[in-house]
Amino acid sequence: MKKQEPFPQPEAWWEHRVSYGETDAMGIVYYGNYLHWFEQARSHFIRERGMGYSEIEKQGVLLPVREVHCRYLAPATYEQEIMVRTGIGTWARASLTFEYQVYNLSRDRSLMTLGQTQHACVSPQGRPVPVPDWLKTLCS
């Protein structure tokens, strides 16, 4: 995803204040924490649609991450308030791709980070399965 591309709909917004433990010795958020934020925002997106991730798993569908992309445009720092925007950009036969944008709420609401996580749709035995229609309906 690029900055100027339209964001997928529907979307969800997850707000967070950066904790001290999320920063490195330079006072900047450690790069791996963005993936944790993506996970929290993704779970929030699903919950907003009326189902928790554990309920999806109970239906026999697991969504392991296959691929991650993260482009850092500006650093996040301790005590900064951020907002992560989340939507599903691509549905494939047996996978889906979440899109993320991280915004700076503490200063100017500028775009700080772009990200994507691609998830395989697999059975509890780890075999690929088609994305179920009920999941598409839930998240659309």
C-alpha atoms as a PDB file:
ATOM      1  CA  MET A   1       0.000   0.000   0.000  1.00  0.00           C
ATOM      2  CA  LYS A   2       1.163   3.493  -0.802  1.00  0.00           C
ATOM      3  CA  LYS A   3       0.258   6.718   1.011  1.00  0.00           C
ATOM      4  CA  GLN A   4      -1.917   8.048  -1.794  1.00  0.00           C
ATOM      5  CA  GLU A   5      -3.941   4.849  -2.373  1.00  0.00           C
ATOM      6  CA  PRO A   6      -7.497   4.775  -0.982  1.00  0.00           C
ATOM      7  CA  PHE A   7      -7.790   2.831   2.262  1.00  0.00           C
ATOM      8  CA  PRO A   8      -9.896  -0.358   2.202  1.00  0.00           C
ATOM      9  CA  GLN A   9     -13.354  -0.282   3.729  1.00  0.00           C
ATOM     10  CA  PRO A  10     -14.687  -1.145   6.195  1.00  0.00           C
ATOM     11  CA  GLU A  11     -12.015   0.098   8.564  1.00  0.00           C
ATOM     12  CA  ALA A  12     -11.371   0.197  12.290  1.00  0.00           C
ATOM     13  CA  TRP A  13      -9.276   2.581  14.403  1.00  0.00           C
ATOM     14  CA  TRP A  14      -7.291   1.391  17.433  1.00  0.00           C
ATOM     15  CA  GLU A  15      -5.812   4.004  19.792  1.00  0.00           C
ATOM     16  CA  HIS A  16      -2.645   3.455  21.843  1.00  0.00           C
ATOM     17  CA  ARG A  17      -0.214   5.433  24.019  1.00  0.00           C
ATOM     18  CA  VAL A  18       3.412   4.333  23.616  1.00  0.00           C
ATOM     19  CA  SER A  19       4.804   2.858  26.829  1.00  0.00           C
ATOM     20  CA  TYR A  20       8.381   3.195  28.043  1.00  0.00           C
ATOM     21  CA  GLY A  21       8.966  -0.541  27.558  1.00  0.00           C
ATOM     22  CA  GLU A  22       8.165  -0.229  23.846  1.00  0.00           C
ATOM     23  CA  THR A  23      11.107   2.109  23.244  1.00  0.00           C
ATOM     24  CA  ASP A  24      14.790   1.420  22.702  1.00  0.00           C
ATOM     25  CA  ALA A  25      17.876   3.157  24.154  1.00  0.00           C
ATOM     26  CA  MET A  26      17.324   6.060  21.743  1.00  0.00           C
ATOM     27  CA  GLY A  27      13.787   6.658  23.028  1.00  0.00           C
ATOM     28  CA  ILE A  28      12.292   5.468  19.733  1.00  0.00           C
ATOM     29  CA  VAL A  29       9.731   2.655  19.490  1.00  0.00           C
ATOM     30  CA  TYR A  30      11.545  -0.609  18.776  1.00  0.00           C
ATOM     31  CA  TYR A  31      10.662  -1.660  15.218  1.00  0.00           C
ATOM     32  CA  GLY A  32       9.245  -5.075  16.220  1.00  0.00           C
ATOM     33  CA  ASN A  33       6.566  -3.443  18.370  1.00  0.00           C
ATOM     34  CA  TYR A  34       4.793  -2.226  15.258  1.00  0.00           C
ATOM     35  CA  LEU A  35       3.932  -5.849  14.450  1.00  0.00           C
ATOM     36  CA  HIS A  36       2.420  -6.216  17.910  1.00  0.00           C
ATOM     37  CA  TRP A  37       0.379  -3.063  17.287  1.00  0.00           C
ATOM     38  CA  PHE A  38      -0.789  -4.528  13.975  1.00  0.00           C
ATOM     39  CA  GLU A  39      -1.924  -7.663  15.805  1.00  0.00           C
ATOM     40  CA  GLN A  40      -3.839  -5.649  18.403  1.00  0.00           C
ATOM     41  CA  ALA A  41      -5.443  -3.465  15.728  1.00  0.00           C
ATOM     42  CA  ARG A  42      -6.362  -6.542  13.669  1.00  0.00           C
ATOM     43  CA  SER A  43      -8.017  -8.168  16.697  1.00  0.00           C
ATOM     44  CA  HIS A  44      -9.862  -4.908  17.354  1.00  0.00           C
ATOM     45  CA  PHE A  45     -11.060  -4.848  13.719  1.00  0.00           C
ATOM     46  CA  ILE A  46     -12.479  -8.379  14.070  1.00  0.00           C
ATOM     47  CA  ARG A  47     -14.051  -7.674  17.487  1.00  0.00           C
ATOM     48  CA  GLU A  48     -15.778  -4.569  16.103  1.00  0.00           C
ATOM     49  CA  ARG A  49     -17.516  -6.871  13.646  1.00  0.00           C
ATOM     50  CA  GLY A  50     -18.931  -8.986  16.465  1.00  0.00           C
ATOM     51  CA  MET A  51     -16.563 -11.926  16.765  1.00  0.00           C
ATOM     52  CA  GLY A  52     -13.304 -12.497  18.620  1.00  0.00           C
ATOM     53  CA  TYR A  53     -10.367 -14.241  17.003  1.00  0.00           C
ATOM     54  CA  SER A  54     -10.784 -17.196  19.387  1.00  0.00           C
ATOM     55  CA  GLU A  55     -14.325 -17.641  18.037  1.00  0.00           C
ATOM     56  CA  ILE A  56     -12.955 -17.773  14.486  1.00  0.00           C
ATOM     57  CA  GLU A  57     -10.577 -20.523  15.611  1.00  0.00           C
ATOM     58  CA  LYS A  58     -13.503 -22.415  17.218  1.00  0.00           C
ATOM     59  CA  GLN A  59     -15.108 -22.403  13.772  1.00  0.00           C
ATOM     60  CA  GLY A  60     -12.063 -24.350  12.517  1.00  0.00           C
ATOM     61  CA  VAL A  61     -10.247 -21.487  10.786  1.00  0.00           C
ATOM     62  CA  LEU A  62      -6.733 -20.350  11.709  1.00  0.00           C
ATOM     63  CA  LEU A  63      -5.110 -17.258  10.197  1.00  0.00           C
ATOM     64  CA  PRO A  64      -1.323 -17.513  10.586  1.00  0.00           C
ATOM     65  CA  VAL A  65       0.758 -14.643   9.257  1.00  0.00           C
ATOM     66  CA  ARG A  66       2.481 -15.572   5.981  1.00  0.00           C
ATOM     67  CA  GLU A  67       4.099 -12.274   5.142  1.00  0.00           C
ATOM     68  CA  VAL A  68       4.672  -8.852   6.733  1.00  0.00           C
ATOM     69  CA  HIS A  69       5.558  -5.477   5.262  1.00  0.00           C
ATOM     70  CA  CYS A  70       6.236  -2.365   7.288  1.00  0.00           C
ATOM     71  CA  ARG A  71       7.385   1.018   6.001  1.00  0.00           C
ATOM     72  CA  TYR A  72       8.469   3.486   8.661  1.00  0.00           C
ATOM     73  CA  LEU A  73       7.888   7.091   7.622  1.00  0.00           C
ATOM     74  CA  ALA A  74       8.467   8.791  10.998  1.00  0.00           C
ATOM     75  CA  PRO A  75       9.482   7.412  14.412  1.00  0.00           C
ATOM     76  CA  ALA A  76       7.098   6.966  17.326  1.00  0.00           C
ATOM     77  CA  THR A  77       8.348   7.880  20.799  1.00  0.00           C
ATOM     78  CA  TYR A  78       7.557   7.354  24.483  1.00  0.00           C
ATOM     79  CA  GLU A  79       4.184   8.780  25.652  1.00  0.00           C
ATOM     80  CA  GLN A  80       3.136   9.513  22.081  1.00  0.00           C
ATOM     81  CA  GLU A  81      -0.500   8.825  21.280  1.00  0.00           C
ATOM     82  CA  ILE A  82      -0.985   6.889  18.071  1.00  0.00           C
ATOM     83  CA  MET A  83      -3.925   5.533  16.131  1.00  0.00           C
ATOM     84  CA  VAL A  84      -3.723   2.423  13.950  1.00  0.00           C
ATOM     85  CA  ARG A  85      -6.156   2.251  11.044  1.00  0.00           C
ATOM     86  CA  THR A  86      -6.964  -1.281   9.869  1.00  0.00           C
ATOM     87  CA  GLY A  87      -8.832  -2.763   6.916  1.00  0.00           C
ATOM     88  CA  ILE A  88      -8.707  -5.801   4.652  1.00  0.00           C
ATOM     89  CA  GLY A  89      -7.147  -4.883   1.329  1.00  0.00           C
ATOM     90  CA  THR A  90      -7.149  -8.206  -0.486  1.00  0.00           C
ATOM     91  CA  TRP A  91      -9.144 -11.412  -0.346  1.00  0.00           C
ATOM     92  CA  ALA A  92      -7.666 -14.393  -2.179  1.00  0.00           C
ATOM     93  CA  ARG A  93      -8.891 -17.979  -2.398  1.00  0.00           C
ATOM     94  CA  ALA A  94      -7.141 -19.133   0.782  1.00  0.00           C
ATOM     95  CA  SER A  95      -5.667 -15.913   2.215  1.00  0.00           C
ATOM     96  CA  LEU A  96      -6.421 -12.323   3.129  1.00  0.00           C
ATOM     97  CA  THR A  97      -4.273  -9.232   3.553  1.00  0.00           C
ATOM     98  CA  PHE A  98      -4.786  -6.636   6.260  1.00  0.00           C
ATOM     99  CA  GLU A  99      -3.623  -3.065   5.639  1.00  0.00           C
ATOM    100  CA  TYR A 100      -2.454  -0.728   8.408  1.00  0.00           C
ATOM    101  CA  GLN A 101      -1.684   2.958   8.771  1.00  0.00           C
ATOM    102  CA  VAL A 102      -0.231   4.397  11.978  1.00  0.00           C
ATOM    103  CA  TYR A 103      -0.998   8.042  12.706  1.00  0.00           C
ATOM    104  CA  ASN A 104       0.522  10.461  15.204  1.00  0.00           C
ATOM    105  CA  LEU A 105      -2.248  11.787  17.448  1.00  0.00           C
ATOM    106  CA  SER A 106       0.083  13.683  19.784  1.00  0.00           C
ATOM    107  CA  ARG A 107       1.158  16.296  17.275  1.00  0.00           C
ATOM    108  CA  ASP A 108      -0.253  16.788  13.813  1.00  0.00           C
ATOM    109  CA  ARG A 109      -2.120  13.551  13.003  1.00  0.00           C
ATOM    110  CA  SER A 110       0.521  12.790  10.379  1.00  0.00           C
ATOM    111  CA  LEU A 111       0.942   9.373   8.812  1.00  0.00           C
ATOM    112  CA  MET A 112       3.892   7.605  10.465  1.00  0.00           C
ATOM    113  CA  THR A 113       3.835   4.007   9.239  1.00  0.00           C
ATOM    114  CA  LEU A 114       2.344   1.840   6.498  1.00  0.00           C
ATOM    115  CA  GLY A 115       1.984  -1.906   6.938  1.00  0.00           C
ATOM    116  CA  GLN A 116       0.480  -5.140   5.675  1.00  0.00           C
ATOM    117  CA  THR A 117       0.090  -8.650   7.017  1.00  0.00           C
ATOM    118  CA  GLN A 118      -0.929 -11.492   4.746  1.00  0.00           C
ATOM    119  CA  HIS A 119      -2.680 -14.383   6.473  1.00  0.00           C
ATOM    120  CA  ALA A 120      -3.115 -17.915   5.202  1.00  0.00           C
ATOM    121  CA  CYS A 121      -6.458 -19.533   5.886  1.00  0.00           C
ATOM    122  CA  VAL A 122      -5.740 -22.998   7.286  1.00  0.00           C
ATOM    123  CA  SER A 123      -7.459 -25.841   9.108  1.00  0.00           C
ATOM    124  CA  PRO A 124      -6.443 -26.790  12.679  1.00  0.00           C
ATOM    125  CA  GLN A 125      -4.208 -29.424  11.018  1.00  0.00           C
ATOM    126  CA  GLY A 126      -2.362 -26.646   9.151  1.00  0.00           C
ATOM    127  CA  ARG A 127      -3.763 -27.412   5.699  1.00  0.00           C
ATOM    128  CA  PRO A 128      -4.850 -24.542   3.432  1.00  0.00           C
ATOM    129  CA  VAL A 129      -8.607 -24.061   3.181  1.00  0.00           C
ATOM    130  CA  PRO A 130     -10.671 -21.582   1.170  1.00  0.00           C
ATOM    131  CA  VAL A 131     -11.641 -18.432   3.019  1.00  0.00           C
ATOM    132  CA  PRO A 132     -15.131 -19.228   4.315  1.00  0.00           C
ATOM    133  CA  ASP A 133     -17.992 -17.062   3.075  1.00  0.00           C
ATOM    134  CA  TRP A 134     -19.082 -16.313   6.646  1.00  0.00           C
ATOM    135  CA  LEU A 135     -15.653 -14.754   7.342  1.00  0.00           C
ATOM    136  CA  LYS A 136     -15.886 -12.555   4.237  1.00  0.00           C
ATOM    137  CA  THR A 137     -19.385 -11.508   5.268  1.00  0.00           C
ATOM    138  CA  LEU A 138     -18.256 -10.791   8.831  1.00  0.00           C
ATOM    139  CA  CYS A 139     -15.361  -8.586   7.718  1.00  0.00           C
ATOM    140  CA  SER A 140     -17.064  -6.796   4.822  1.00  0.00           C
END
